[in-house]
C-alpha cells in the first residue's frame, strides 16, 4: 500500500469469550479493545481483530502465523498451555509436529478453539 499504512489481521470466531480466553489467556496477547462484535489484540505491533461470525469458519488453510526464534521451544510453551501441534497427512513431521521445508525453514501448526489453523515458522538463515 502507498505511504505508511499499517496491516490489520482478521480472524473469524463464533464465541468471543472463548476466543478471548485463548488469545489473551493462552497466547498471552494484550487485549486493546473489547466490543460486542470483535476483540482487538496487539500482536507485536500488528492489530489482530477477532471478529464474531454466526457460523464456525471452515477454512482449509493457515489463517495466521508467527515467525519465531525456535519453533520447538514455542511448541513446548504452547503444549504447557494445552495447545497441541497439528500434523497433516502427506507432510513428514518430526516427533514434535515440526516439518522442515526444502528451504530449511521449520514449521508447525496449531488451531484456535474455532479450528482456525495458525502457523509457527522458524526461518532458516543460510550461512554468511
C-alpha atoms as a PDB file:
ATOM      1  CA  UNK A   1       0.000   0.000   0.000  1.00  0.00           C
ATOM      2  CA  UNK A   2       1.061   3.548  -0.529  1.00  0.00           C
ATOM      3  CA  UNK A   3       2.593   5.539   2.259  1.00  0.00           C
ATOM      4  CA  UNK A   4       2.939   4.377   5.798  1.00  0.00           C
ATOM      5  CA  UNK A   5      -0.107   2.194   6.286  1.00  0.00           C
ATOM      6  CA  UNK A   6      -0.491  -0.451   8.964  1.00  0.00           C
ATOM      7  CA  UNK A   7      -1.641  -4.011   8.463  1.00  0.00           C
ATOM      8  CA  UNK A   8      -4.609  -5.385  10.423  1.00  0.00           C
ATOM      9  CA  UNK A   9      -5.107  -9.151  10.700  1.00  0.00           C
ATOM     10  CA  UNK A  10      -8.622 -10.657  10.978  1.00  0.00           C
ATOM     11  CA  UNK A  11      -9.718 -13.988  12.454  1.00  0.00           C
ATOM     12  CA  UNK A  12     -13.350 -15.221  12.442  1.00  0.00           C
ATOM     13  CA  UNK A  13     -14.709 -16.908  15.588  1.00  0.00           C
ATOM     14  CA  UNK A  14     -18.140 -17.880  16.869  1.00  0.00           C
ATOM     15  CA  UNK A  15     -17.562 -17.280  20.589  1.00  0.00           C
ATOM     16  CA  UNK A  16     -15.752 -14.115  21.687  1.00  0.00           C
ATOM     17  CA  UNK A  17     -15.447 -15.221  25.326  1.00  0.00           C
ATOM     18  CA  UNK A  18     -13.762 -18.480  24.312  1.00  0.00           C
ATOM     19  CA  UNK A  19     -11.572 -16.640  21.813  1.00  0.00           C
ATOM     20  CA  UNK A  20     -10.550 -14.147  24.479  1.00  0.00           C
ATOM     21  CA  UNK A  21      -9.524 -16.961  26.817  1.00  0.00           C
ATOM     22  CA  UNK A  22      -7.371 -18.436  24.044  1.00  0.00           C
ATOM     23  CA  UNK A  23      -5.771 -15.335  22.518  1.00  0.00           C
ATOM     24  CA  UNK A  24      -5.349 -13.423  25.782  1.00  0.00           C
ATOM     25  CA  UNK A  25      -5.011 -16.243  28.299  1.00  0.00           C
ATOM     26  CA  UNK A  26      -3.244 -18.965  26.338  1.00  0.00           C
ATOM     27  CA  UNK A  27      -1.260 -16.966  23.760  1.00  0.00           C
ATOM     28  CA  UNK A  28      -0.744 -14.048  26.174  1.00  0.00           C
ATOM     29  CA  UNK A  29      -1.603 -11.329  23.655  1.00  0.00           C
ATOM     30  CA  UNK A  30      -2.536  -7.921  25.028  1.00  0.00           C
ATOM     31  CA  UNK A  31      -6.232  -7.055  24.639  1.00  0.00           C
ATOM     32  CA  UNK A  32      -6.649  -3.471  23.422  1.00  0.00           C
ATOM     33  CA  UNK A  33     -10.379  -3.392  22.595  1.00  0.00           C
ATOM     34  CA  UNK A  34     -13.436  -5.444  23.527  1.00  0.00           C
ATOM     35  CA  UNK A  35     -16.700  -4.764  21.688  1.00  0.00           C
ATOM     36  CA  UNK A  36     -19.880  -6.831  21.235  1.00  0.00           C
ATOM     37  CA  UNK A  37     -18.722  -7.922  17.758  1.00  0.00           C
ATOM     38  CA  UNK A  38     -14.926  -8.086  17.999  1.00  0.00           C
ATOM     39  CA  UNK A  39     -11.841  -8.241  20.164  1.00  0.00           C
ATOM     40  CA  UNK A  40      -8.648  -6.483  19.180  1.00  0.00           C
ATOM     41  CA  UNK A  41      -5.262  -7.663  20.389  1.00  0.00           C
ATOM     42  CA  UNK A  42      -1.785  -6.258  19.982  1.00  0.00           C
ATOM     43  CA  UNK A  43       0.185  -8.921  18.100  1.00  0.00           C
ATOM     44  CA  UNK A  44       3.702  -7.440  18.328  1.00  0.00           C
ATOM     45  CA  UNK A  45       2.518  -4.107  16.954  1.00  0.00           C
ATOM     46  CA  UNK A  46       0.008  -5.527  14.468  1.00  0.00           C
ATOM     47  CA  UNK A  47      -3.668  -5.190  15.390  1.00  0.00           C
ATOM     48  CA  UNK A  48      -5.263  -8.640  15.460  1.00  0.00           C
ATOM     49  CA  UNK A  49      -9.035  -8.289  15.150  1.00  0.00           C
ATOM     50  CA  UNK A  50     -11.020 -11.318  16.290  1.00  0.00           C
ATOM     51  CA  UNK A  51     -14.471 -10.952  14.688  1.00  0.00           C
ATOM     52  CA  UNK A  52     -17.604 -12.745  15.835  1.00  0.00           C
ATOM     53  CA  UNK A  53     -19.271 -14.636  12.983  1.00  0.00           C
ATOM     54  CA  UNK A  54     -22.550 -16.600  13.058  1.00  0.00           C
ATOM     55  CA  UNK A  55     -21.150 -19.883  11.695  1.00  0.00           C
ATOM     56  CA  UNK A  56     -17.872 -21.643  12.521  1.00  0.00           C
ATOM     57  CA  UNK A  57     -15.267 -20.953   9.846  1.00  0.00           C
ATOM     58  CA  UNK A  58     -14.389 -23.868   7.588  1.00  0.00           C
ATOM     59  CA  UNK A  59     -11.090 -22.675   6.203  1.00  0.00           C
ATOM     60  CA  UNK A  60      -8.762 -25.256   4.683  1.00  0.00           C
ATOM     61  CA  UNK A  61      -5.632 -23.166   5.034  1.00  0.00           C
ATOM     62  CA  UNK A  62      -3.467 -21.297   7.518  1.00  0.00           C
ATOM     63  CA  UNK A  63      -5.142 -18.054   8.529  1.00  0.00           C
ATOM     64  CA  UNK A  64      -2.491 -16.557  10.800  1.00  0.00           C
ATOM     65  CA  UNK A  65       1.145 -17.174  11.616  1.00  0.00           C
ATOM     66  CA  UNK A  66       4.087 -16.062  13.681  1.00  0.00           C
ATOM     67  CA  UNK A  67       7.788 -16.068  12.886  1.00  0.00           C
ATOM     68  CA  UNK A  68       9.553 -17.415  15.969  1.00  0.00           C
ATOM     69  CA  UNK A  69      13.182 -17.848  17.002  1.00  0.00           C
ATOM     70  CA  UNK A  70      12.746 -21.502  17.995  1.00  0.00           C
ATOM     71  CA  UNK A  71       9.718 -23.445  16.786  1.00  0.00           C
ATOM     72  CA  UNK A  72      10.405 -26.363  19.150  1.00  0.00           C
ATOM     73  CA  UNK A  73      10.605 -24.093  22.181  1.00  0.00           C
ATOM     74  CA  UNK A  74       7.420 -22.297  21.141  1.00  0.00           C
ATOM     75  CA  UNK A  75       5.595 -25.610  20.660  1.00  0.00           C
ATOM     76  CA  UNK A  76       6.727 -26.669  24.139  1.00  0.00           C
ATOM     77  CA  UNK A  77       5.415 -23.378  25.580  1.00  0.00           C
ATOM     78  CA  UNK A  78       2.076 -23.928  23.808  1.00  0.00           C
ATOM     79  CA  UNK A  79       1.923 -27.561  24.931  1.00  0.00           C
ATOM     80  CA  UNK A  80       2.258 -26.438  28.547  1.00  0.00           C
ATOM     81  CA  UNK A  81      -0.887 -24.366  27.933  1.00  0.00           C
ATOM     82  CA  UNK A  82      -2.845 -27.277  26.463  1.00  0.00           C
ATOM     83  CA  UNK A  83      -2.300 -26.458  22.773  1.00  0.00           C
ATOM     84  CA  UNK A  84      -1.286 -29.356  20.538  1.00  0.00           C
ATOM     85  CA  UNK A  85       0.538 -29.302  17.228  1.00  0.00           C
ATOM     86  CA  UNK A  86      -1.454 -30.265  14.150  1.00  0.00           C
ATOM     87  CA  UNK A  87       0.062 -32.948  11.927  1.00  0.00           C
ATOM     88  CA  UNK A  88      -1.016 -33.008   8.282  1.00  0.00           C
ATOM     89  CA  UNK A  89      -1.153 -36.106   6.097  1.00  0.00           C
ATOM     90  CA  UNK A  90       1.408 -36.094   3.317  1.00  0.00           C
ATOM     91  CA  UNK A  91       3.915 -33.929   5.207  1.00  0.00           C
ATOM     92  CA  UNK A  92       6.775 -35.530   7.137  1.00  0.00           C
ATOM     93  CA  UNK A  93       6.805 -34.102  10.654  1.00  0.00           C
ATOM     94  CA  UNK A  94       9.262 -34.868  13.446  1.00  0.00           C
ATOM     95  CA  UNK A  95       8.107 -36.332  16.768  1.00  0.00           C
ATOM     96  CA  UNK A  96       7.085 -32.851  17.980  1.00  0.00           C
ATOM     97  CA  UNK A  97       4.984 -31.992  14.924  1.00  0.00           C
ATOM     98  CA  UNK A  98       7.616 -29.857  13.163  1.00  0.00           C
ATOM     99  CA  UNK A  99       8.064 -30.007   9.381  1.00  0.00           C
ATOM    100  CA  UNK A 100      11.321 -28.930   7.773  1.00  0.00           C
ATOM    101  CA  UNK A 101      10.677 -27.271   4.405  1.00  0.00           C
ATOM    102  CA  UNK A 102      13.069 -27.713   1.473  1.00  0.00           C
ATOM    103  CA  UNK A 103      14.341 -24.192   2.238  1.00  0.00           C
ATOM    104  CA  UNK A 104      15.372 -25.321   5.720  1.00  0.00           C
ATOM    105  CA  UNK A 105      12.593 -23.330   7.423  1.00  0.00           C
ATOM    106  CA  UNK A 106      10.986 -25.251  10.282  1.00  0.00           C
ATOM    107  CA  UNK A 107       7.200 -25.019  10.530  1.00  0.00           C
ATOM    108  CA  UNK A 108       4.489 -26.212  12.865  1.00  0.00           C
ATOM    109  CA  UNK A 109       0.765 -25.610  13.094  1.00  0.00           C
ATOM    110  CA  UNK A 110      -1.891 -25.488  15.793  1.00  0.00           C
ATOM    111  CA  UNK A 111      -5.557 -24.472  15.945  1.00  0.00           C
ATOM    112  CA  UNK A 112      -7.566 -21.978  17.928  1.00  0.00           C
ATOM    113  CA  UNK A 113     -10.837 -23.101  19.595  1.00  0.00           C
ATOM    114  CA  UNK A 114     -12.798 -22.393  16.383  1.00  0.00           C
ATOM    115  CA  UNK A 115     -10.462 -24.592  14.324  1.00  0.00           C
ATOM    116  CA  UNK A 116      -8.576 -21.758  12.618  1.00  0.00           C
ATOM    117  CA  UNK A 117      -5.125 -23.013  11.617  1.00  0.00           C
ATOM    118  CA  UNK A 118      -2.205 -20.955  12.924  1.00  0.00           C
ATOM    119  CA  UNK A 119       1.426 -21.469  11.933  1.00  0.00           C
ATOM    120  CA  UNK A 120       4.812 -21.052  13.535  1.00  0.00           C
ATOM    121  CA  UNK A 121       7.850 -20.516  11.295  1.00  0.00           C
ATOM    122  CA  UNK A 122      11.475 -20.670  12.308  1.00  0.00           C
ATOM    123  CA  UNK A 123      13.326 -19.186   9.368  1.00  0.00           C
ATOM    124  CA  UNK A 124      16.430 -20.979   8.159  1.00  0.00           C
ATOM    125  CA  UNK A 125      19.224 -18.483   7.764  1.00  0.00           C
ATOM    126  CA  UNK A 126      21.821 -19.564   5.201  1.00  0.00           C
ATOM    127  CA  UNK A 127      25.465 -19.238   6.281  1.00  0.00           C
ATOM    128  CA  UNK A 128      27.017 -15.845   5.650  1.00  0.00           C
END
